[in-house]
Amino acid sequence: MKKGQSISINTIIVAAIALAVLVVLFAIFTGRLGGFTKGVQETDTCAQKCLSINADVGKTLTEFDKSCNTGESLIAGTYKDGQYGCCCRSK
């Protein structure tokens, strides 16, 4: 009597993981992840950043004054209108 051949569960799992990795690599190298990076890059002003977190624009930080006023939150980063970050206050 012959034994039937079958694919083990481990082989199926390894194949599924390899396929997932290939899909991610394909997306990276063909630029399909551009939608995510575009959304991140579009936030280039303090006003846009504060609006994205549902807040009002506060003080813009300078080279010599890198702290926010009371009630404002520091949003780190470099923006067109805030090279050293900016401050947002709750609405």
N, C-alpha and C. Protein backbone atom coordinates (compact mmCIF):
# COMPACT_ATOMS: atom_id res chain seq x y z
N MET A 1 0.84 -1.18 0.00
CA MET A 1 0.00 0.00 0.00
C MET A 1 0.88 1.24 0.00
N LYS A 2 0.60 2.17 -0.93
CA LYS A 2 1.40 3.39 -1.03
C LYS A 2 0.82 4.47 -0.13
N LYS A 3 1.76 5.28 0.42
CA LYS A 3 1.32 6.44 1.20
C LYS A 3 1.00 7.58 0.24
N GLY A 4 -0.04 8.34 0.55
CA GLY A 4 -0.36 9.52 -0.26
C GLY A 4 0.59 10.66 0.07
N GLN A 5 0.93 11.42 -0.93
CA GLN A 5 1.79 12.57 -0.70
C GLN A 5 0.92 13.79 -0.43
N SER A 6 1.39 14.60 0.50
CA SER A 6 0.64 15.82 0.81
C SER A 6 1.61 16.93 1.20
N ILE A 7 1.15 18.13 1.14
CA ILE A 7 1.96 19.30 1.52
C ILE A 7 1.73 19.53 3.00
N SER A 8 2.83 19.69 3.73
CA SER A 8 2.69 19.92 5.16
C SER A 8 2.19 21.33 5.45
N ILE A 9 1.63 21.52 6.61
CA ILE A 9 1.14 22.83 7.04
C ILE A 9 2.28 23.83 7.07
N ASN A 10 3.45 23.40 7.52
CA ASN A 10 4.61 24.31 7.57
C ASN A 10 4.96 24.84 6.19
N THR A 11 4.90 24.01 5.18
CA THR A 11 5.20 24.44 3.82
C THR A 11 4.19 25.48 3.35
N ILE A 12 2.94 25.28 3.67
CA ILE A 12 1.90 26.23 3.28
C ILE A 12 2.11 27.57 3.98
N ILE A 13 2.45 27.55 5.24
CA ILE A 13 2.67 28.79 6.00
C ILE A 13 3.87 29.55 5.45
N VAL A 14 4.96 28.85 5.19
CA VAL A 14 6.16 29.50 4.64
C VAL A 14 5.85 30.09 3.27
N ALA A 15 5.10 29.40 2.45
CA ALA A 15 4.74 29.90 1.12
C ALA A 15 3.88 31.16 1.23
N ALA A 16 2.94 31.18 2.18
CA ALA A 16 2.08 32.35 2.37
C ALA A 16 2.89 33.56 2.82
N ILE A 17 3.83 33.36 3.74
CA ILE A 17 4.67 34.45 4.21
C ILE A 17 5.55 34.97 3.07
N ALA A 18 6.10 34.08 2.29
CA ALA A 18 6.94 34.48 1.16
C ALA A 18 6.13 35.28 0.14
N LEU A 19 4.91 34.87 -0.11
CA LEU A 19 4.05 35.59 -1.04
C LEU A 19 3.74 36.99 -0.52
N ALA A 20 3.47 37.12 0.78
CA ALA A 20 3.19 38.42 1.37
C ALA A 20 4.41 39.34 1.25
N VAL A 21 5.59 38.82 1.49
CA VAL A 21 6.82 39.61 1.36
C VAL A 21 7.00 40.07 -0.08
N LEU A 22 6.76 39.19 -1.03
CA LEU A 22 6.88 39.57 -2.44
C LEU A 22 5.90 40.66 -2.83
N VAL A 23 4.68 40.60 -2.32
CA VAL A 23 3.69 41.63 -2.62
C VAL A 23 4.14 42.98 -2.07
N VAL A 24 4.65 43.00 -0.84
CA VAL A 24 5.13 44.25 -0.24
C VAL A 24 6.32 44.80 -1.03
N LEU A 25 7.26 43.96 -1.38
CA LEU A 25 8.41 44.40 -2.17
C LEU A 25 7.97 44.94 -3.53
N PHE A 26 7.03 44.28 -4.15
CA PHE A 26 6.51 44.75 -5.43
C PHE A 26 5.89 46.14 -5.28
N ALA A 27 5.12 46.33 -4.21
CA ALA A 27 4.48 47.63 -3.98
C ALA A 27 5.51 48.72 -3.75
N ILE A 28 6.56 48.40 -3.03
CA ILE A 28 7.60 49.39 -2.75
C ILE A 28 8.33 49.78 -4.04
N PHE A 29 8.75 48.79 -4.80
CA PHE A 29 9.56 49.09 -5.97
C PHE A 29 8.78 49.60 -7.17
N THR A 30 7.48 49.45 -7.19
CA THR A 30 6.69 50.00 -8.29
C THR A 30 6.04 51.32 -7.92
N GLY A 31 6.25 51.79 -6.70
CA GLY A 31 5.70 53.08 -6.30
C GLY A 31 4.26 53.04 -5.86
N ARG A 32 3.74 51.89 -5.60
CA ARG A 32 2.34 51.78 -5.19
C ARG A 32 2.11 52.27 -3.77
N LEU A 33 3.17 52.48 -3.01
CA LEU A 33 3.01 53.02 -1.67
C LEU A 33 3.04 54.54 -1.69
N GLY A 34 3.00 55.13 -2.87
CA GLY A 34 3.04 56.59 -3.00
C GLY A 34 1.86 57.28 -2.36
N GLY A 35 0.72 56.62 -2.28
CA GLY A 35 -0.45 57.23 -1.65
C GLY A 35 -0.22 57.55 -0.19
N PHE A 36 0.48 56.68 0.50
CA PHE A 36 0.77 56.92 1.91
C PHE A 36 1.77 58.06 2.06
N THR A 37 2.87 58.00 1.31
CA THR A 37 3.89 59.04 1.46
C THR A 37 3.39 60.39 0.98
N LYS A 38 2.50 60.40 0.00
CA LYS A 38 1.95 61.66 -0.49
C LYS A 38 1.17 62.34 0.62
N GLY A 39 0.37 61.59 1.35
CA GLY A 39 -0.40 62.17 2.44
C GLY A 39 0.48 62.73 3.54
N VAL A 40 1.58 62.08 3.81
CA VAL A 40 2.50 62.56 4.83
C VAL A 40 3.22 63.81 4.34
N GLN A 41 3.62 63.83 3.09
CA GLN A 41 4.38 64.95 2.55
C GLN A 41 3.51 66.18 2.32
N GLU A 42 2.21 66.04 2.16
CA GLU A 42 1.35 67.18 1.90
C GLU A 42 1.25 68.12 3.09
N THR A 43 1.58 67.67 4.27
CA THR A 43 1.53 68.51 5.44
C THR A 43 2.83 69.30 5.52
N ASP A 44 2.84 70.46 4.84
CA ASP A 44 4.09 71.20 4.80
C ASP A 44 4.00 72.58 5.45
N THR A 45 2.87 72.92 6.03
CA THR A 45 2.77 74.17 6.78
C THR A 45 2.20 73.89 8.16
N CYS A 46 2.47 74.79 9.09
CA CYS A 46 1.93 74.64 10.44
C CYS A 46 0.40 74.63 10.41
N ALA A 47 -0.17 75.49 9.58
CA ALA A 47 -1.63 75.56 9.50
C ALA A 47 -2.22 74.22 9.08
N GLN A 48 -1.62 73.58 8.08
CA GLN A 48 -2.12 72.28 7.62
C GLN A 48 -1.96 71.22 8.70
N LYS A 49 -0.82 71.24 9.40
CA LYS A 49 -0.58 70.25 10.44
C LYS A 49 -1.57 70.41 11.58
N CYS A 50 -1.79 71.65 12.02
CA CYS A 50 -2.75 71.88 13.11
C CYS A 50 -4.16 71.48 12.68
N LEU A 51 -4.52 71.82 11.45
CA LEU A 51 -5.84 71.45 10.93
C LEU A 51 -6.01 69.94 10.88
N SER A 52 -4.94 69.21 10.55
CA SER A 52 -5.02 67.76 10.45
C SER A 52 -5.27 67.10 11.80
N ILE A 53 -4.94 67.77 12.89
CA ILE A 53 -5.22 67.22 14.22
C ILE A 53 -6.35 67.98 14.90
N ASN A 54 -7.14 68.71 14.10
CA ASN A 54 -8.33 69.43 14.58
C ASN A 54 -7.96 70.44 15.67
N ALA A 55 -6.98 71.28 15.35
CA ALA A 55 -6.53 72.31 16.29
C ALA A 55 -6.31 73.61 15.54
N ASP A 56 -6.18 74.70 16.29
CA ASP A 56 -5.89 76.00 15.71
C ASP A 56 -4.39 76.25 15.75
N VAL A 57 -3.92 77.09 14.83
CA VAL A 57 -2.51 77.42 14.77
C VAL A 57 -2.16 78.33 15.94
N GLY A 58 -1.07 78.00 16.59
CA GLY A 58 -0.57 78.84 17.67
C GLY A 58 0.69 79.55 17.23
N LYS A 59 1.62 79.65 18.12
CA LYS A 59 2.88 80.34 17.86
C LYS A 59 3.77 79.51 16.95
N THR A 60 4.46 80.19 16.05
CA THR A 60 5.46 79.55 15.22
C THR A 60 6.81 79.68 15.91
N LEU A 61 7.54 78.60 15.99
CA LEU A 61 8.81 78.61 16.71
C LEU A 61 9.92 79.20 15.86
N THR A 62 10.87 79.82 16.54
CA THR A 62 12.02 80.41 15.87
C THR A 62 13.29 79.76 16.40
N GLU A 63 14.41 80.16 15.83
CA GLU A 63 15.70 79.63 16.26
C GLU A 63 15.97 79.94 17.73
N PHE A 64 15.47 81.10 18.20
CA PHE A 64 15.77 81.55 19.55
C PHE A 64 14.63 81.25 20.54
N ASP A 65 13.45 80.96 20.05
CA ASP A 65 12.30 80.70 20.91
C ASP A 65 11.67 79.39 20.48
N LYS A 66 12.04 78.30 21.15
CA LYS A 66 11.59 76.97 20.75
C LYS A 66 10.63 76.35 21.75
N SER A 67 9.82 77.18 22.39
CA SER A 67 8.83 76.66 23.33
C SER A 67 7.47 77.26 23.02
N CYS A 68 6.43 76.49 23.26
CA CYS A 68 5.07 76.92 22.99
C CYS A 68 4.51 77.69 24.19
N ASN A 69 3.48 78.47 23.92
CA ASN A 69 2.77 79.16 24.99
C ASN A 69 1.96 78.16 25.79
N THR A 70 1.48 78.58 26.95
CA THR A 70 0.64 77.73 27.79
C THR A 70 -0.62 77.34 27.01
N GLY A 71 -0.97 76.08 27.05
CA GLY A 71 -2.16 75.59 26.36
C GLY A 71 -1.92 75.17 24.93
N GLU A 72 -0.69 75.30 24.45
CA GLU A 72 -0.35 74.89 23.10
C GLU A 72 0.50 73.63 23.13
N SER A 73 0.40 72.84 22.09
CA SER A 73 1.19 71.61 21.99
C SER A 73 2.24 71.78 20.90
N LEU A 74 3.44 71.34 21.18
CA LEU A 74 4.53 71.42 20.21
C LEU A 74 4.34 70.35 19.14
N ILE A 75 4.41 70.76 17.89
CA ILE A 75 4.38 69.85 16.76
C ILE A 75 5.76 69.92 16.12
N ALA A 76 6.57 68.92 16.38
CA ALA A 76 7.94 68.92 15.90
C ALA A 76 7.98 68.74 14.39
N GLY A 77 9.01 69.22 13.78
CA GLY A 77 9.19 69.07 12.35
C GLY A 77 9.65 70.37 11.73
N THR A 78 9.87 70.32 10.44
CA THR A 78 10.26 71.51 9.68
C THR A 78 9.16 71.79 8.68
N TYR A 79 8.58 72.96 8.76
CA TYR A 79 7.47 73.36 7.89
C TYR A 79 7.83 74.64 7.16
N LYS A 80 7.12 74.94 6.08
CA LYS A 80 7.40 76.14 5.31
C LYS A 80 7.30 77.39 6.19
N ASP A 81 6.33 77.40 7.08
CA ASP A 81 6.14 78.58 7.92
C ASP A 81 6.64 78.37 9.35
N GLY A 82 7.37 77.32 9.60
CA GLY A 82 7.92 77.06 10.92
C GLY A 82 9.11 76.13 10.83
N GLN A 83 10.28 76.69 10.59
CA GLN A 83 11.47 75.87 10.38
C GLN A 83 11.83 75.04 11.61
N TYR A 84 11.44 75.51 12.80
CA TYR A 84 11.81 74.82 14.03
C TYR A 84 10.60 74.16 14.69
N GLY A 85 9.53 73.99 13.94
CA GLY A 85 8.32 73.39 14.49
C GLY A 85 7.27 74.46 14.70
N CYS A 86 6.12 74.04 15.15
CA CYS A 86 5.06 75.01 15.41
C CYS A 86 4.22 74.53 16.57
N CYS A 87 3.37 75.40 17.03
CA CYS A 87 2.50 75.10 18.18
C CYS A 87 1.05 75.11 17.72
N CYS A 88 0.29 74.18 18.25
CA CYS A 88 -1.14 74.11 17.96
C CYS A 88 -1.89 74.16 19.29
N ARG A 89 -3.05 74.81 19.27
CA ARG A 89 -3.88 74.86 20.49
C ARG A 89 -5.23 74.24 20.19
N SER A 90 -5.79 73.62 21.18
CA SER A 90 -7.09 72.95 21.02
C SER A 90 -8.16 73.95 20.68
N LYS A 91 -9.11 73.49 19.86
CA LYS A 91 -10.24 74.37 19.48
C LYS A 91 -11.21 74.48 20.61
